[in-house]
Amino acid sequence: MSTLPRESAGTAPAVDAARGRAGGSGLVAVVEGVADRAAVLSAVGRALSFPEYYGHNLDALADCLGDLSWLPAGPVELVVADGPLAAADPGTHATVLEILAEAVAATAGTDRPLHVTLAGPAA
């Protein structure tokens, strides 16, 4: 079970709450419609404008999420509609949630703190 907060009402309410937390100085990014490892790796990379050196694998995902130095300073809000991935690939889903939770902890107290909200009902 993930320690990441979940907005069970879906993506739109989660995005609205993320915008409120980010205020005018933060980034709000959304990942949805992904049902496999390659898709989630690409979607997160695109949503957060990962640098060109991003390796599109789980280790690279963890490295980039734990740094975020290429982004402007300010809160980083990531909303992830994780239902399709949980249903199609539970192993990757669990690993991605672990990576996201570790990145939230790693960036807390920095000038680019990551906050992740899962959107939709729990799988």
Protein backbone atom coordinates (compact mmCIF):
# COMPACT_ATOMS: atom_id res chain seq x y z
CA MET A 1 0.00 0.00 0.00
CA SER A 2 1.34 3.39 -1.01
CA THR A 3 1.93 6.28 1.34
CA LEU A 4 1.15 8.73 -1.46
CA PRO A 5 -2.12 10.66 -1.10
CA ARG A 6 -4.99 9.64 -3.37
CA GLU A 7 -7.83 11.72 -4.80
CA SER A 8 -10.43 9.01 -5.37
CA ALA A 9 -12.76 11.38 -7.23
CA GLY A 10 -10.37 11.39 -10.21
CA THR A 11 -7.88 13.47 -12.10
CA ALA A 12 -9.73 16.81 -12.35
CA PRO A 13 -10.16 17.29 -8.57
CA ALA A 14 -6.56 16.17 -8.01
CA VAL A 15 -5.29 18.71 -10.55
CA ASP A 16 -7.38 21.48 -8.97
CA ALA A 17 -5.92 20.69 -5.54
CA ALA A 18 -2.40 20.53 -7.00
CA ARG A 19 -2.83 23.95 -8.60
CA GLY A 20 -3.88 25.34 -5.25
CA ARG A 21 -0.81 23.90 -3.53
CA ALA A 22 1.56 25.03 -6.30
CA GLY A 23 0.27 28.58 -6.35
CA GLY A 24 1.67 30.83 -9.05
CA SER A 25 5.26 29.70 -8.67
CA GLY A 26 4.94 25.94 -9.06
CA LEU A 27 4.67 23.36 -11.79
CA VAL A 28 1.64 21.10 -12.11
CA ALA A 29 2.08 18.02 -14.31
CA VAL A 30 -0.34 15.20 -15.08
CA VAL A 31 0.33 11.60 -16.10
CA GLU A 32 -2.65 9.55 -17.22
CA GLY A 33 -3.60 6.84 -19.67
CA VAL A 34 -0.46 4.76 -19.16
CA ALA A 35 -0.74 0.99 -18.83
CA ASP A 36 2.79 -0.32 -19.18
CA ARG A 37 6.34 0.37 -18.06
CA ALA A 38 7.52 2.08 -21.25
CA ALA A 39 4.47 4.34 -21.32
CA VAL A 40 4.79 5.45 -17.70
CA LEU A 41 8.52 6.09 -18.07
CA SER A 42 7.92 8.24 -21.16
CA ALA A 43 4.90 10.03 -19.73
CA VAL A 44 6.62 11.06 -16.49
CA GLY A 45 9.68 12.17 -18.44
CA ARG A 46 7.55 14.33 -20.74
CA ALA A 47 5.38 15.71 -17.94
CA LEU A 48 8.40 16.89 -15.97
CA SER A 49 10.57 17.82 -18.96
CA PHE A 50 13.31 15.37 -18.02
CA PRO A 51 16.73 16.21 -19.49
CA GLU A 52 17.92 14.53 -22.68
CA TYR A 53 20.18 12.19 -20.71
CA TYR A 54 17.13 10.50 -19.12
CA GLY A 55 17.58 6.77 -19.73
CA HIS A 56 13.91 5.67 -19.83
CA ASN A 57 14.36 2.97 -17.20
CA LEU A 58 13.35 2.68 -13.56
CA ASP A 59 16.79 3.63 -12.21
CA ALA A 60 16.85 6.75 -14.41
CA LEU A 61 13.31 7.61 -13.26
CA ALA A 62 14.45 7.45 -9.65
CA ASP A 63 17.56 9.54 -10.39
CA CYS A 64 15.67 12.28 -12.22
CA LEU A 65 12.80 12.46 -9.73
CA GLY A 66 15.21 12.75 -6.84
CA ASP A 67 17.01 15.75 -8.37
CA LEU A 68 14.70 18.02 -10.47
CA SER A 69 17.50 20.62 -10.75
CA TRP A 70 16.66 21.43 -14.40
CA LEU A 71 13.25 22.79 -13.35
CA PRO A 72 12.68 26.33 -12.09
CA ALA A 73 12.62 26.65 -8.32
CA GLY A 74 9.20 26.14 -6.79
CA PRO A 75 6.90 23.31 -5.84
CA VAL A 76 6.47 20.46 -8.31
CA GLU A 77 3.03 18.86 -8.25
CA LEU A 78 2.63 15.57 -10.11
CA VAL A 79 -0.82 14.02 -10.51
CA VAL A 80 -0.73 10.38 -11.59
CA ALA A 81 -3.86 8.54 -12.71
CA ASP A 82 -2.44 5.13 -11.89
CA GLY A 83 -5.44 2.84 -12.39
CA PRO A 84 -4.55 1.55 -15.88
CA LEU A 85 -0.97 0.76 -14.86
CA ALA A 86 -2.11 -0.96 -11.65
CA ALA A 87 -4.53 -3.13 -13.60
CA ALA A 88 -2.19 -4.01 -16.48
CA ASP A 89 1.19 -4.30 -14.73
CA PRO A 90 0.94 -4.53 -10.93
CA GLY A 91 4.68 -5.14 -10.49
CA THR A 92 5.71 -2.00 -12.37
CA HIS A 93 2.93 -0.09 -10.63
CA ALA A 94 4.27 -1.02 -7.19
CA THR A 95 7.84 -0.13 -8.18
CA VAL A 96 6.83 3.22 -9.67
CA LEU A 97 4.84 4.12 -6.53
CA GLU A 98 7.88 3.26 -4.41
CA ILE A 99 10.12 5.45 -6.60
CA LEU A 100 7.62 8.31 -6.42
CA ALA A 101 7.37 8.07 -2.62
CA GLU A 102 11.17 8.03 -2.27
CA ALA A 103 11.45 11.09 -4.53
CA VAL A 104 8.88 12.97 -2.45
CA ALA A 105 10.97 12.28 0.65
CA ALA A 106 14.26 13.13 -1.11
CA THR A 107 13.05 16.50 -2.38
CA ALA A 108 11.28 17.63 0.79
CA GLY A 109 12.92 20.77 2.12
CA THR A 110 14.57 21.59 -1.21
CA ASP A 111 13.73 24.51 -3.50
CA ARG A 112 11.88 22.05 -5.81
CA PRO A 113 9.82 19.85 -3.48
CA LEU A 114 7.92 17.11 -5.28
CA HIS A 115 4.38 16.31 -4.23
CA VAL A 116 2.61 13.37 -5.87
CA THR A 117 -1.12 12.73 -5.82
CA LEU A 118 -2.59 9.52 -7.17
CA ALA A 119 -5.87 10.08 -8.97
CA GLY A 120 -8.80 7.70 -9.19
CA PRO A 121 -9.97 4.82 -7.04
CA ALA A 122 -7.36 2.55 -5.48
CA ALA A 123 -6.70 -0.56 -7.54
